[in-house]
Amino acid sequence: MQIGFFDSGIGGITVLHDAIKLLPKEDYIYYADTANVPYGPKPKEEVRKYIFQAMEFIIRQQVKAVVIACNTATSVAIEALRSTYNIPIIGMEPAVKPAVEQNRHGNKRVLVTATALTLKEEKLKNLITRLDNEHIVDLLPLPGLVQFAESFEFNEGVVLPYLKEQLSTYEVNNYEAIVLGCTHFSFYKDMFRKLLPPGTSIIDGNRGTVNNLKRTLGERNALNEGRGNIMFYHSGCRVTDTAKLAQYRRLFKRLEAINAVHSL
């Protein structure tokens, strides 16, 4: 059986990329809700409707687990999804915990970036309340990065000025870590690095999510059941166009390049 990955658009590819590295002997389907992206600016109930429409389709594909590779979708619908469907559903969560713990004995701050909807949801607020005893967490919505990613805009001359402007009201030297709380943002780790002081951590929740997926499947004796095949869907339609499939290949190559530099 396959593993389903769901996102509003292409952001979840950053999580799928990590999953393929950790679980290469699985088959995957990737569902991008391209007809309704972006989710971040939309009302919660509208987003929840789109999520359940997508899940109904994904479940019909005979999947053994679904990764909600979208922080916004997780924040507004994960509990409802788990109470509706009787398969493992793995959600995303901004990596506030490792960022705060990393700074536990320091005097610097943590900046959590995400979509506006994720930042205002109770799920994230409760997480920060539980972990941020020293009140060191600040929040920054970056909706432009979602738009850039969905337009396959990775030109530094376009993206860097946007990031620089958004960060201009923050004293970046005061931050120990930047949390990328939207899966789209991980496509721009290299550009964040150019604007942050050396030593500032850039943290996303992708690896933790994939580790959770592996652990969950292992507990069910459901690992290594495929051949590494991937099928892509756009809002319920199978992607067969060679140009669109080539775009996905370019995204994987970009992530390979970013991770190679980021791990140095």
C-alpha atoms as a PDB file:
ATOM      1  CA  MET A   1       0.000   0.000   0.000  1.00  0.00           C
ATOM      2  CA  GLN A   2       1.012   3.598  -0.577  1.00  0.00           C
ATOM      3  CA  ILE A   3       1.721   6.495   1.751  1.00  0.00           C
ATOM      4  CA  GLY A   4      -0.296   9.623   1.027  1.00  0.00           C
ATOM      5  CA  PHE A   5       1.188  13.102   1.271  1.00  0.00           C
ATOM      6  CA  PHE A   6      -1.085  16.116   1.228  1.00  0.00           C
ATOM      7  CA  ASP A   7      -0.391  19.841   0.969  1.00  0.00           C
ATOM      8  CA  SER A   8      -2.130  22.927  -0.344  1.00  0.00           C
ATOM      9  CA  GLY A   9       0.560  23.111  -3.021  1.00  0.00           C
ATOM     10  CA  ILE A  10       4.192  22.173  -3.497  1.00  0.00           C
ATOM     11  CA  GLY A  11       5.427  22.870   0.041  1.00  0.00           C
ATOM     12  CA  GLY A  12       4.914  19.281   1.139  1.00  0.00           C
ATOM     13  CA  ILE A  13       7.495  18.209  -1.432  1.00  0.00           C
ATOM     14  CA  THR A  14      10.092  19.320   1.139  1.00  0.00           C
ATOM     15  CA  VAL A  15       8.683  16.705   3.558  1.00  0.00           C
ATOM     16  CA  LEU A  16       8.263  14.038   0.885  1.00  0.00           C
ATOM     17  CA  HIS A  17      11.910  14.568  -0.046  1.00  0.00           C
ATOM     18  CA  ASP A  18      12.958  13.685   3.498  1.00  0.00           C
ATOM     19  CA  ALA A  19      10.596  10.706   3.548  1.00  0.00           C
ATOM     20  CA  ILE A  20      12.089   9.266   0.384  1.00  0.00           C
ATOM     21  CA  LYS A  21      15.555   9.548   1.931  1.00  0.00           C
ATOM     22  CA  LEU A  22      14.481   7.775   5.115  1.00  0.00           C
ATOM     23  CA  LEU A  23      12.001   5.316   3.573  1.00  0.00           C
ATOM     24  CA  PRO A  24      13.165   4.624   0.008  1.00  0.00           C
ATOM     25  CA  LYS A  25      11.289   1.307  -0.245  1.00  0.00           C
ATOM     26  CA  GLU A  26       7.842   2.841  -0.016  1.00  0.00           C
ATOM     27  CA  ASP A  27       5.407   3.969  -2.695  1.00  0.00           C
ATOM     28  CA  TYR A  28       3.963   7.463  -2.394  1.00  0.00           C
ATOM     29  CA  ILE A  29       1.171   9.581  -3.733  1.00  0.00           C
ATOM     30  CA  TYR A  30       1.502  13.339  -3.467  1.00  0.00           C
ATOM     31  CA  TYR A  31      -1.678  15.411  -3.542  1.00  0.00           C
ATOM     32  CA  ALA A  32      -1.318  19.158  -4.095  1.00  0.00           C
ATOM     33  CA  ASP A  33      -4.552  21.137  -3.821  1.00  0.00           C
ATOM     34  CA  THR A  34      -3.460  23.478  -6.582  1.00  0.00           C
ATOM     35  CA  ALA A  35      -7.034  24.581  -7.300  1.00  0.00           C
ATOM     36  CA  ASN A  36      -7.287  26.189  -3.860  1.00  0.00           C
ATOM     37  CA  VAL A  37      -3.750  27.208  -2.882  1.00  0.00           C
ATOM     38  CA  PRO A  38      -2.845  29.233  -0.844  1.00  0.00           C
ATOM     39  CA  TYR A  39      -4.649  28.220   2.332  1.00  0.00           C
ATOM     40  CA  GLY A  40      -3.042  30.773   4.658  1.00  0.00           C
ATOM     41  CA  PRO A  41      -5.216  33.837   3.827  1.00  0.00           C
ATOM     42  CA  LYS A  42      -8.512  31.893   3.669  1.00  0.00           C
ATOM     43  CA  PRO A  43     -11.120  31.437   6.432  1.00  0.00           C
ATOM     44  CA  LYS A  44     -10.652  28.338   8.569  1.00  0.00           C
ATOM     45  CA  GLU A  45     -13.935  26.661   7.621  1.00  0.00           C
ATOM     46  CA  GLU A  46     -13.242  27.085   3.915  1.00  0.00           C
ATOM     47  CA  VAL A  47      -9.802  25.533   4.327  1.00  0.00           C
ATOM     48  CA  ARG A  48     -11.233  22.667   6.347  1.00  0.00           C
ATOM     49  CA  LYS A  49     -13.698  21.921   3.540  1.00  0.00           C
ATOM     50  CA  TYR A  50     -10.849  21.696   1.011  1.00  0.00           C
ATOM     51  CA  ILE A  51      -8.853  19.420   3.312  1.00  0.00           C
ATOM     52  CA  PHE A  52     -11.692  16.936   3.723  1.00  0.00           C
ATOM     53  CA  GLN A  53     -12.361  16.907  -0.021  1.00  0.00           C
ATOM     54  CA  ALA A  54      -8.705  16.039  -0.578  1.00  0.00           C
ATOM     55  CA  MET A  55      -8.701  13.387   2.125  1.00  0.00           C
ATOM     56  CA  GLU A  56     -11.733  11.644   0.648  1.00  0.00           C
ATOM     57  CA  PHE A  57      -9.818  11.277  -2.607  1.00  0.00           C
ATOM     58  CA  ILE A  58      -6.575  10.180  -0.948  1.00  0.00           C
ATOM     59  CA  ILE A  59      -8.304   7.537   1.177  1.00  0.00           C
ATOM     60  CA  ARG A  60      -9.806   6.004  -1.965  1.00  0.00           C
ATOM     61  CA  GLN A  61      -6.282   5.391  -3.296  1.00  0.00           C
ATOM     62  CA  GLN A  62      -5.720   2.605  -0.751  1.00  0.00           C
ATOM     63  CA  VAL A  63      -3.160   4.347   1.433  1.00  0.00           C
ATOM     64  CA  LYS A  64      -1.817   2.947   4.697  1.00  0.00           C
ATOM     65  CA  ALA A  65      -1.050   6.359   6.213  1.00  0.00           C
ATOM     66  CA  VAL A  66      -1.396  10.015   5.313  1.00  0.00           C
ATOM     67  CA  VAL A  67       1.056  12.783   6.081  1.00  0.00           C
ATOM     68  CA  ILE A  68      -0.575  16.201   6.282  1.00  0.00           C
ATOM     69  CA  ALA A  69       2.566  17.925   4.985  1.00  0.00           C
ATOM     70  CA  CYS A  70       1.091  21.367   5.593  1.00  0.00           C
ATOM     71  CA  ASN A  71       1.281  23.274   8.880  1.00  0.00           C
ATOM     72  CA  THR A  72      -1.847  25.270   8.073  1.00  0.00           C
ATOM     73  CA  ALA A  73      -3.926  22.164   7.310  1.00  0.00           C
ATOM     74  CA  THR A  74      -2.640  20.457  10.437  1.00  0.00           C
ATOM     75  CA  SER A  75      -3.487  23.430  12.625  1.00  0.00           C
ATOM     76  CA  VAL A  76      -7.097  23.696  11.470  1.00  0.00           C
ATOM     77  CA  ALA A  77      -8.103  20.072  10.852  1.00  0.00           C
ATOM     78  CA  ILE A  78      -5.817  17.377  12.288  1.00  0.00           C
ATOM     79  CA  GLU A  79      -8.053  16.385  15.205  1.00  0.00           C
ATOM     80  CA  ALA A  80     -11.149  16.260  13.020  1.00  0.00           C
ATOM     81  CA  LEU A  81      -9.310  14.142  10.464  1.00  0.00           C
ATOM     82  CA  ARG A  82      -8.131  11.651  13.072  1.00  0.00           C
ATOM     83  CA  SER A  83     -11.625  11.292  14.478  1.00  0.00           C
ATOM     84  CA  THR A  84     -13.019  10.670  10.977  1.00  0.00           C
ATOM     85  CA  TYR A  85     -10.538   8.266   9.368  1.00  0.00           C
ATOM     86  CA  ASN A  86      -9.272   5.013  10.804  1.00  0.00           C
ATOM     87  CA  ILE A  87      -5.725   5.143   9.473  1.00  0.00           C
ATOM     88  CA  PRO A  88      -2.612   6.862  10.843  1.00  0.00           C
ATOM     89  CA  ILE A  89      -2.627  10.578  10.040  1.00  0.00           C
ATOM     90  CA  ILE A  90       0.678  12.326  10.676  1.00  0.00           C
ATOM     91  CA  GLY A  91       0.564  16.099  11.039  1.00  0.00           C
ATOM     92  CA  MET A  92       3.081  18.923  10.893  1.00  0.00           C
ATOM     93  CA  GLU A  93       3.932  21.209  13.769  1.00  0.00           C
ATOM     94  CA  PRO A  94       6.228  24.248  13.757  1.00  0.00           C
ATOM     95  CA  ALA A  95       9.469  23.110  15.417  1.00  0.00           C
ATOM     96  CA  VAL A  96       9.104  25.421  18.405  1.00  0.00           C
ATOM     97  CA  LYS A  97      10.233  22.802  20.920  1.00  0.00           C
ATOM     98  CA  PRO A  98      13.737  22.151  19.546  1.00  0.00           C
ATOM     99  CA  ALA A  99      14.224  25.864  18.910  1.00  0.00           C
ATOM    100  CA  VAL A 100      13.297  26.838  22.472  1.00  0.00           C
ATOM    101  CA  GLU A 101      15.231  23.974  24.054  1.00  0.00           C
ATOM    102  CA  GLN A 102      18.310  24.885  22.060  1.00  0.00           C
ATOM    103  CA  ASN A 103      18.206  28.318  23.682  1.00  0.00           C
ATOM    104  CA  ARG A 104      17.260  27.157  27.166  1.00  0.00           C
ATOM    105  CA  HIS A 105      20.407  28.483  28.837  1.00  0.00           C
ATOM    106  CA  GLY A 106      20.922  31.508  26.584  1.00  0.00           C
ATOM    107  CA  ASN A 107      19.512  34.989  26.388  1.00  0.00           C
ATOM    108  CA  LYS A 108      18.542  35.076  22.717  1.00  0.00           C
ATOM    109  CA  ARG A 109      15.145  34.798  21.076  1.00  0.00           C
ATOM    110  CA  VAL A 110      13.324  32.467  18.656  1.00  0.00           C
ATOM    111  CA  LEU A 111      11.457  33.683  15.568  1.00  0.00           C
ATOM    112  CA  VAL A 112       8.626  31.477  14.303  1.00  0.00           C
ATOM    113  CA  THR A 113       7.652  32.101  10.678  1.00  0.00           C
ATOM    114  CA  ALA A 114       4.506  30.620   9.136  1.00  0.00           C
ATOM    115  CA  THR A 115       1.290  31.520   7.343  1.00  0.00           C
ATOM    116  CA  ALA A 116      -1.079  33.964   9.011  1.00  0.00           C
ATOM    117  CA  LEU A 117      -3.664  31.226   9.617  1.00  0.00           C
ATOM    118  CA  THR A 118      -1.153  28.941  11.338  1.00  0.00           C
ATOM    119  CA  LEU A 119       0.083  31.761  13.547  1.00  0.00           C
ATOM    120  CA  LYS A 120      -3.372  32.714  14.797  1.00  0.00           C
ATOM    121  CA  GLU A 121      -4.660  29.174  15.427  1.00  0.00           C
ATOM    122  CA  GLU A 122      -5.069  27.903  18.989  1.00  0.00           C
ATOM    123  CA  LYS A 123      -2.910  24.866  18.240  1.00  0.00           C
ATOM    124  CA  LEU A 124       0.234  26.961  17.844  1.00  0.00           C
ATOM    125  CA  LYS A 125      -0.705  29.368  20.624  1.00  0.00           C
ATOM    126  CA  ASN A 126      -1.102  26.444  23.037  1.00  0.00           C
ATOM    127  CA  LEU A 127       2.209  24.969  21.932  1.00  0.00           C
ATOM    128  CA  ILE A 128       4.039  28.231  22.549  1.00  0.00           C
ATOM    129  CA  THR A 129       2.317  28.749  25.900  1.00  0.00           C
ATOM    130  CA  ARG A 130       3.437  25.291  27.004  1.00  0.00           C
ATOM    131  CA  LEU A 131       7.050  25.655  25.886  1.00  0.00           C
ATOM    132  CA  ASP A 132       7.918  29.352  26.015  1.00  0.00           C
ATOM    133  CA  ASN A 133       8.345  29.896  29.733  1.00  0.00           C
ATOM    134  CA  GLU A 134      10.874  32.676  29.174  1.00  0.00           C
ATOM    135  CA  HIS A 135       8.713  34.510  26.600  1.00  0.00           C
ATOM    136  CA  ILE A 136      11.412  34.467  23.936  1.00  0.00           C
ATOM    137  CA  VAL A 137       9.247  33.505  20.928  1.00  0.00           C
ATOM    138  CA  ASP A 138       8.254  36.063  18.304  1.00  0.00           C
ATOM    139  CA  LEU A 139       5.966  35.456  15.298  1.00  0.00           C
ATOM    140  CA  LEU A 140       6.319  36.533  11.684  1.00  0.00           C
ATOM    141  CA  PRO A 141       3.890  35.672   8.832  1.00  0.00           C
ATOM    142  CA  LEU A 142       5.577  35.286   5.443  1.00  0.00           C
ATOM    143  CA  PRO A 143       2.756  34.731   2.924  1.00  0.00           C
ATOM    144  CA  GLY A 144       4.908  35.961   0.057  1.00  0.00           C
ATOM    145  CA  LEU A 145       7.123  32.875   0.282  1.00  0.00           C
ATOM    146  CA  VAL A 146       4.138  30.633  -0.416  1.00  0.00           C
ATOM    147  CA  GLN A 147       3.300  32.685  -3.496  1.00  0.00           C
ATOM    148  CA  PHE A 148       6.910  32.600  -4.669  1.00  0.00           C
ATOM    149  CA  ALA A 149       7.146  28.834  -4.249  1.00  0.00           C
ATOM    150  CA  GLU A 150       3.868  28.172  -6.031  1.00  0.00           C
ATOM    151  CA  SER A 151       5.158  30.298  -8.924  1.00  0.00           C
ATOM    152  CA  PHE A 152       8.465  28.372  -8.901  1.00  0.00           C
ATOM    153  CA  GLU A 153      10.202  31.658  -8.160  1.00  0.00           C
ATOM    154  CA  PHE A 154      13.625  30.895  -6.694  1.00  0.00           C
ATOM    155  CA  ASN A 155      15.510  33.883  -8.078  1.00  0.00           C
ATOM    156  CA  GLU A 156      17.499  35.533  -5.302  1.00  0.00           C
ATOM    157  CA  GLY A 157      17.041  38.914  -6.953  1.00  0.00           C
ATOM    158  CA  VAL A 158      13.291  38.598  -6.395  1.00  0.00           C
ATOM    159  CA  VAL A 159      13.029  36.672  -3.118  1.00  0.00           C
ATOM    160  CA  LEU A 160      15.882  38.155  -1.077  1.00  0.00           C
ATOM    161  CA  PRO A 161      14.481  41.731  -1.149  1.00  0.00           C
ATOM    162  CA  TYR A 162      11.139  40.414   0.133  1.00  0.00           C
ATOM    163  CA  LEU A 163      12.780  38.501   2.980  1.00  0.00           C
ATOM    164  CA  LYS A 164      15.040  41.411   3.823  1.00  0.00           C
ATOM    165  CA  GLU A 165      12.055  43.758   4.052  1.00  0.00           C
ATOM    166  CA  GLN A 166      10.055  41.355   6.226  1.00  0.00           C
ATOM    167  CA  LEU A 167      12.974  40.866   8.605  1.00  0.00           C
ATOM    168  CA  SER A 168      13.867  44.561   8.694  1.00  0.00           C
ATOM    169  CA  THR A 169      11.887  45.288  11.869  1.00  0.00           C
ATOM    170  CA  TYR A 170      13.603  42.436  13.741  1.00  0.00           C
ATOM    171  CA  GLU A 171      17.119  42.612  15.164  1.00  0.00           C
ATOM    172  CA  VAL A 172      18.316  39.337  13.669  1.00  0.00           C
ATOM    173  CA  ASN A 173      21.421  39.264  15.870  1.00  0.00           C
ATOM    174  CA  ASN A 174      19.119  38.696  18.833  1.00  0.00           C
ATOM    175  CA  TYR A 175      17.808  35.383  17.506  1.00  0.00           C
ATOM    176  CA  GLU A 176      19.234  31.979  18.282  1.00  0.00           C
ATOM    177  CA  ALA A 177      16.918  30.194  15.851  1.00  0.00           C
ATOM    178  CA  ILE A 178      14.459  30.799  13.031  1.00  0.00           C
ATOM    179  CA  VAL A 179      11.632  28.259  12.787  1.00  0.00           C
ATOM    180  CA  LEU A 180      10.253  27.601   9.308  1.00  0.00           C
ATOM    181  CA  GLY A 181       6.655  26.842  10.225  1.00  0.00           C
ATOM    182  CA  CYS A 182       5.409  26.369   6.661  1.00  0.00           C
ATOM    183  CA  THR A 183       6.681  23.585   4.449  1.00  0.00           C
ATOM    184  CA  HIS A 184       6.999  25.984   1.503  1.00  0.00           C
ATOM    185  CA  PHE A 185       9.600  27.976   3.413  1.00  0.00           C
ATOM    186  CA  SER A 186      12.161  25.157   3.372  1.00  0.00           C
ATOM    187  CA  PHE A 187      12.738  25.833  -0.328  1.00  0.00           C
ATOM    188  CA  TYR A 188      14.362  29.093   0.800  1.00  0.00           C
ATOM    189  CA  LYS A 189      16.733  27.945   3.535  1.00  0.00           C
ATOM    190  CA  ASP A 190      19.684  29.110   1.448  1.00  0.00           C
ATOM    191  CA  MET A 191      18.239  32.621   1.223  1.00  0.00           C
ATOM    192  CA  PHE A 192      17.466  32.807   4.930  1.00  0.00           C
ATOM    193  CA  ARG A 193      21.074  31.838   5.550  1.00  0.00           C
ATOM    194  CA  LYS A 194      22.299  34.819   3.533  1.00  0.00           C
ATOM    195  CA  LEU A 195      20.351  37.224   5.766  1.00  0.00           C
ATOM    196  CA  LEU A 196      21.070  35.684   9.174  1.00  0.00           C
ATOM    197  CA  PRO A 197      24.211  35.901  11.306  1.00  0.00           C
ATOM    198  CA  PRO A 198      26.532  32.869  11.292  1.00  0.00           C
ATOM    199  CA  GLY A 199      25.434  30.334  13.871  1.00  0.00           C
ATOM    200  CA  THR A 200      21.726  31.149  13.726  1.00  0.00           C
ATOM    201  CA  SER A 201      19.833  27.861  13.481  1.00  0.00           C
ATOM    202  CA  ILE A 202      17.243  27.401  10.742  1.00  0.00           C
ATOM    203  CA  ILE A 203      14.819  24.708  11.887  1.00  0.00           C
ATOM    204  CA  ASP A 204      11.839  23.043  10.226  1.00  0.00           C
ATOM    205  CA  GLY A 205       9.618  20.186  11.361  1.00  0.00           C
ATOM    206  CA  ASN A 206      10.182  17.971   8.339  1.00  0.00           C
ATOM    207  CA  ARG A 207      12.586  15.423   9.785  1.00  0.00           C
ATOM    208  CA  GLY A 208      10.594  15.028  12.991  1.00  0.00           C
ATOM    209  CA  THR A 209       7.445  14.410  10.948  1.00  0.00           C
ATOM    210  CA  VAL A 210       9.133  11.772   8.805  1.00  0.00           C
ATOM    211  CA  ASN A 211      10.620  10.070  11.870  1.00  0.00           C
ATOM    212  CA  ASN A 212       7.113   9.933  13.324  1.00  0.00           C
ATOM    213  CA  LEU A 213       5.849   8.368  10.090  1.00  0.00           C
ATOM    214  CA  LYS A 214       8.547   5.687  10.197  1.00  0.00           C
ATOM    215  CA  ARG A 215       7.878   4.913  13.844  1.00  0.00           C
ATOM    216  CA  THR A 216       4.122   4.674  13.261  1.00  0.00           C
ATOM    217  CA  LEU A 217       4.477   2.320  10.291  1.00  0.00           C
ATOM    218  CA  GLY A 218       7.041   0.230  12.173  1.00  0.00           C
ATOM    219  CA  GLU A 219       4.617  -0.266  15.046  1.00  0.00           C
ATOM    220  CA  ARG A 220       2.125  -1.640  12.515  1.00  0.00           C
ATOM    221  CA  ASN A 221       4.676  -3.845  10.724  1.00  0.00           C
ATOM    222  CA  ALA A 222       3.926  -1.863   7.576  1.00  0.00           C
ATOM    223  CA  LEU A 223       7.378  -0.703   6.465  1.00  0.00           C
ATOM    224  CA  ASN A 224       9.159  -1.272   3.153  1.00  0.00           C
ATOM    225  CA  GLU A 225       6.164  -2.368   1.098  1.00  0.00           C
ATOM    226  CA  GLY A 226       6.928  -0.622  -2.191  1.00  0.00           C
ATOM    227  CA  ARG A 227       9.493   0.212  -4.853  1.00  0.00           C
ATOM    228  CA  GLY A 228       9.948   3.929  -4.401  1.00  0.00           C
ATOM    229  CA  ASN A 229       7.269   4.943  -6.912  1.00  0.00           C
ATOM    230  CA  ILE A 230       5.621   8.374  -6.682  1.00  0.00           C
ATOM    231  CA  MET A 231       2.342   9.488  -8.236  1.00  0.00           C
ATOM    232  CA  PHE A 232       1.399  13.160  -8.258  1.00  0.00           C
ATOM    233  CA  TYR A 233      -2.123  14.584  -8.155  1.00  0.00           C
ATOM    234  CA  HIS A 234      -3.350  18.153  -8.534  1.00  0.00           C
ATOM    235  CA  SER A 235      -6.699  18.568  -6.748  1.00  0.00           C
ATOM    236  CA  GLY A 236      -7.750  15.024  -7.655  1.00  0.00           C
ATOM    237  CA  CYS A 237      -6.320  14.884 -11.177  1.00  0.00           C
ATOM    238  CA  ARG A 238      -3.349  12.622 -11.892  1.00  0.00           C
ATOM    239  CA  VAL A 239      -0.341  14.568 -13.149  1.00  0.00           C
ATOM    240  CA  THR A 240       0.931  13.047 -16.381  1.00  0.00           C
ATOM    241  CA  ASP A 241       2.116  16.150 -18.223  1.00  0.00           C
ATOM    242  CA  THR A 242       5.861  15.832 -18.775  1.00  0.00           C
ATOM    243  CA  ALA A 243       6.494  19.546 -18.157  1.00  0.00           C
ATOM    244  CA  LYS A 244       4.769  19.440 -14.766  1.00  0.00           C
ATOM    245  CA  LEU A 245       6.588  16.267 -13.770  1.00  0.00           C
ATOM    246  CA  ALA A 246       9.847  17.936 -14.777  1.00  0.00           C
ATOM    247  CA  GLN A 247       9.003  20.787 -12.384  1.00  0.00           C
ATOM    248  CA  TYR A 248       8.791  18.302  -9.530  1.00  0.00           C
ATOM    249  CA  ARG A 249      12.157  16.854 -10.503  1.00  0.00           C
ATOM    250  CA  ARG A 250      13.637  20.345 -10.388  1.00  0.00           C
ATOM    251  CA  LEU A 251      12.197  20.860  -6.907  1.00  0.00           C
ATOM    252  CA  PHE A 252      13.896  17.693  -5.690  1.00  0.00           C
ATOM    253  CA  LYS A 253      17.175  18.860  -7.209  1.00  0.00           C
ATOM    254  CA  ARG A 254      16.846  22.219  -5.494  1.00  0.00           C
ATOM    255  CA  LEU A 255      16.301  20.539  -2.134  1.00  0.00           C
ATOM    256  CA  GLU A 256      19.319  18.297  -2.707  1.00  0.00           C
ATOM    257  CA  ALA A 257      21.466  21.356  -3.363  1.00  0.00           C
ATOM    258  CA  ILE A 258      20.100  23.288  -0.381  1.00  0.00           C
ATOM    259  CA  ASN A 259      20.536  20.379   2.014  1.00  0.00           C
ATOM    260  CA  ALA A 260      24.073  19.732   0.818  1.00  0.00           C
ATOM    261  CA  VAL A 261      25.050  23.303   1.679  1.00  0.00           C
ATOM    262  CA  HIS A 262      22.891  23.539   4.801  1.00  0.00           C
ATOM    263  CA  SER A 263      24.548  20.463   6.336  1.00  0.00           C
ATOM    264  CA  LEU A 264      28.057  21.902   6.020  1.00  0.00           C
END
